[in-house]
């Protein structure tokens, strides 16, 4: 059996599936009150980066940045959201912008980025800056203290704002198509 699995793993790139991309998931507290973590991340992140005061505190900024990481690596593989090539490219550009702005080590594991930013967010919300800095491990963040300062003074990130707004619009378009494709579905409310 082990030989079969090894052979299959070697053949997948050859038959067009390609190597598995590093993915990420959101922690339990990322989506409290939201039925769909991806949907919640899309809406909260679009709001954070496209509204005055959306990134009002470093804790909120850390969560929003973690959501960008999650969305950038998850949306391309999530069939529910259509995997729009344009949105995927924009989210990849947003991720690069975020990595540069926050000092995230090149090639960092996306799950470690998400985990570190969420742990920092929790610590910041509790007023524990030392724990927040420890959450930003040097293997992922080039300088945890500097990353905290950058989260506290986040200016506009134009690529990220554009990408998150585009992801939100695409999600709303997909939802509307689903509604319209249901028997009796009609966006005007008439059946």
Protein backbone atom coordinates (compact mmCIF):
# COMPACT_ATOMS: atom_id res chain seq x y z
CA UNK A 1 0.00 0.00 0.00
CA UNK A 2 2.81 2.41 0.90
CA UNK A 3 4.39 1.83 -2.52
CA UNK A 4 1.11 2.67 -4.25
CA UNK A 5 0.77 5.96 -2.35
CA UNK A 6 4.37 6.91 -3.13
CA UNK A 7 3.83 6.15 -6.82
CA UNK A 8 0.59 8.13 -6.87
CA UNK A 9 2.28 11.11 -5.20
CA UNK A 10 4.98 11.06 -7.86
CA UNK A 11 2.46 10.80 -10.70
CA UNK A 12 0.10 13.59 -9.64
CA UNK A 13 2.30 16.39 -11.02
CA UNK A 14 2.72 14.45 -14.27
CA UNK A 15 -1.03 13.97 -14.79
CA UNK A 16 -1.79 17.63 -14.29
CA UNK A 17 -2.77 17.97 -10.65
CA UNK A 18 0.53 19.60 -9.78
CA UNK A 19 2.16 19.63 -6.38
CA UNK A 20 0.03 20.47 -3.42
CA UNK A 21 0.17 24.15 -2.57
CA UNK A 22 0.75 25.20 0.98
CA UNK A 23 -2.58 26.13 2.43
CA UNK A 24 -3.81 27.59 5.66
CA UNK A 25 -6.82 27.46 7.89
CA UNK A 26 -8.18 29.99 10.32
CA UNK A 27 -8.10 29.43 14.07
CA UNK A 28 -11.27 28.70 16.04
CA UNK A 29 -11.76 32.29 17.15
CA UNK A 30 -11.39 33.79 13.68
CA UNK A 31 -14.94 33.11 12.75
CA UNK A 32 -16.97 33.22 15.92
CA UNK A 33 -20.52 33.92 14.82
CA UNK A 34 -19.80 33.24 11.15
CA UNK A 35 -21.10 30.08 9.53
CA UNK A 36 -18.47 30.15 6.79
CA UNK A 37 -14.88 31.08 7.74
CA UNK A 38 -13.90 32.05 4.20
CA UNK A 39 -16.95 34.26 3.74
CA UNK A 40 -16.29 35.90 7.11
CA UNK A 41 -12.65 36.51 6.20
CA UNK A 42 -13.60 38.04 2.85
CA UNK A 43 -16.07 40.51 4.34
CA UNK A 44 -14.08 41.47 7.43
CA UNK A 45 -10.87 41.95 5.49
CA UNK A 46 -12.52 43.99 2.74
CA UNK A 47 -14.03 46.20 5.43
CA UNK A 48 -10.76 46.57 7.34
CA UNK A 49 -8.70 47.66 4.34
CA UNK A 50 -11.33 49.81 2.62
CA UNK A 51 -12.89 51.87 5.40
CA UNK A 52 -11.50 54.68 7.52
CA UNK A 53 -10.81 53.25 10.95
CA UNK A 54 -11.03 49.68 9.65
CA UNK A 55 -7.54 49.04 11.00
CA UNK A 56 -8.07 51.08 14.16
CA UNK A 57 -5.95 48.96 16.50
CA UNK A 58 -2.89 46.75 16.07
CA UNK A 59 -4.99 43.75 17.17
CA UNK A 60 -7.49 44.36 14.35
CA UNK A 61 -4.65 44.99 11.90
CA UNK A 62 -3.01 41.67 12.86
CA UNK A 63 -6.28 39.77 12.28
CA UNK A 64 -6.83 41.51 8.95
CA UNK A 65 -3.27 40.69 7.83
CA UNK A 66 -3.75 37.04 8.88
CA UNK A 67 -6.95 36.91 6.85
CA UNK A 68 -5.12 38.26 3.78
CA UNK A 69 -2.60 35.42 4.14
CA UNK A 70 -5.41 32.88 4.53
CA UNK A 71 -7.39 34.19 1.56
CA UNK A 72 -4.37 34.48 -0.73
CA UNK A 73 -3.45 30.83 -0.27
CA UNK A 74 -6.98 29.41 0.11
CA UNK A 75 -9.15 31.09 -2.52
CA UNK A 76 -7.33 29.57 -5.51
CA UNK A 77 -8.25 26.10 -4.21
CA UNK A 78 -11.78 26.79 -2.96
CA UNK A 79 -14.31 25.70 -5.59
CA UNK A 80 -17.15 27.46 -3.74
CA UNK A 81 -15.71 30.85 -4.59
CA UNK A 82 -15.12 30.30 -8.27
CA UNK A 83 -11.34 30.59 -8.11
CA UNK A 84 -11.31 33.72 -10.27
CA UNK A 85 -7.83 34.10 -11.83
CA UNK A 86 -8.04 37.89 -11.47
CA UNK A 87 -8.96 37.73 -7.78
CA UNK A 88 -6.26 35.12 -7.19
CA UNK A 89 -3.62 37.33 -8.83
CA UNK A 90 -4.76 40.38 -6.88
CA UNK A 91 -4.72 38.46 -3.59
CA UNK A 92 -1.22 37.15 -4.37
CA UNK A 93 -0.08 40.77 -4.95
CA UNK A 94 -1.75 41.79 -1.66
CA UNK A 95 0.07 38.99 0.12
CA UNK A 96 3.42 40.17 -1.28
CA UNK A 97 2.60 43.74 -0.21
CA UNK A 98 1.73 42.53 3.29
CA UNK A 99 4.85 40.37 3.59
CA UNK A 100 7.05 43.32 2.64
CA UNK A 101 5.24 45.74 4.97
CA UNK A 102 5.30 43.42 8.00
CA UNK A 103 8.73 41.87 7.50
CA UNK A 104 7.50 38.34 6.88
CA UNK A 105 10.33 36.00 5.92
CA UNK A 106 10.33 34.99 2.26
CA UNK A 107 8.86 31.52 1.78
CA UNK A 108 7.29 31.46 5.25
CA UNK A 109 4.72 28.75 5.80
CA UNK A 110 1.26 30.37 5.40
CA UNK A 111 -0.19 28.52 8.40
CA UNK A 112 2.62 29.82 10.62
CA UNK A 113 1.93 33.36 9.38
CA UNK A 114 -1.79 33.03 10.17
CA UNK A 115 -1.12 31.44 13.56
CA UNK A 116 1.46 34.05 14.54
CA UNK A 117 -0.69 37.01 13.56
CA UNK A 118 -3.77 35.64 15.32
CA UNK A 119 -1.76 34.87 18.47
CA UNK A 120 -0.33 38.39 18.36
CA UNK A 121 -3.83 39.80 17.87
CA UNK A 122 -5.12 37.95 20.93
CA UNK A 123 -2.17 39.13 23.03
CA UNK A 124 -2.53 42.73 21.84
CA UNK A 125 -6.26 42.70 22.61
CA UNK A 126 -5.35 41.52 26.14
CA UNK A 127 -2.78 44.32 26.47
CA UNK A 128 0.20 41.94 26.57
CA UNK A 129 2.74 43.38 24.13
CA UNK A 130 5.48 40.99 25.29
CA UNK A 131 3.31 37.96 24.45
CA UNK A 132 2.41 39.55 21.12
CA UNK A 133 6.09 39.95 20.26
CA UNK A 134 6.79 36.33 21.26
CA UNK A 135 3.94 35.19 19.00
CA UNK A 136 5.74 36.68 16.01
CA UNK A 137 8.45 34.00 15.80
CA UNK A 138 11.73 34.97 14.10
CA UNK A 139 11.44 31.98 11.75
CA UNK A 140 8.40 33.69 10.22
CA UNK A 141 8.71 37.39 11.08
CA UNK A 142 12.15 38.95 10.59
CA UNK A 143 11.69 41.11 13.71
CA UNK A 144 8.65 40.64 15.93
CA UNK A 145 9.03 44.00 17.66
CA UNK A 146 9.28 45.83 14.36
CA UNK A 147 6.26 43.93 13.03
CA UNK A 148 4.27 45.11 16.08
CA UNK A 149 5.30 48.72 15.41
CA UNK A 150 4.24 48.34 11.78
CA UNK A 151 0.86 46.89 12.79
CA UNK A 152 0.34 49.88 15.10
CA UNK A 153 1.09 52.35 12.31
CA UNK A 154 -0.40 50.66 9.29
CA UNK A 155 -0.85 53.09 6.49
CA UNK A 156 -2.81 52.41 3.35
CA UNK A 157 -1.97 49.25 1.46
CA UNK A 158 -3.37 50.01 -2.01
CA UNK A 159 -2.93 46.52 -3.50
CA UNK A 160 -4.47 44.91 -0.46
CA UNK A 161 -7.41 47.32 -0.43
CA UNK A 162 -8.04 46.66 -4.13
CA UNK A 163 -7.65 42.88 -3.80
CA UNK A 164 -9.93 42.54 -0.78
CA UNK A 165 -12.61 44.72 -2.37
CA UNK A 166 -12.38 42.64 -5.54
CA UNK A 167 -12.68 39.39 -3.56
CA UNK A 168 -15.78 40.77 -1.85
CA UNK A 169 -17.38 41.81 -5.16
CA UNK A 170 -16.60 38.41 -6.67
CA UNK A 171 -18.10 36.63 -3.68
CA UNK A 172 -21.28 38.73 -3.92
CA UNK A 173 -21.50 37.99 -7.66
CA UNK A 174 -21.20 34.25 -7.00
CA UNK A 175 -23.86 34.42 -4.27
CA UNK A 176 -26.20 36.27 -6.61
CA UNK A 177 -25.66 33.67 -9.34
CA UNK A 178 -26.51 30.91 -6.87
CA UNK A 179 -29.71 32.70 -5.84
CA UNK A 180 -30.69 33.27 -9.46
CA UNK A 181 -30.03 29.65 -10.42
CA UNK A 182 -32.35 28.24 -7.75
CA UNK A 183 -35.87 27.35 -8.84
CA UNK A 184 -37.91 30.49 -8.33
CA UNK A 185 -34.71 32.40 -7.48
CA UNK A 186 -34.96 36.00 -8.54
CA UNK A 187 -33.02 38.95 -7.19
CA UNK A 188 -36.07 41.22 -7.50
CA UNK A 189 -37.99 39.24 -4.87
CA UNK A 190 -40.64 38.13 -7.39
CA UNK A 191 -41.28 34.41 -7.80
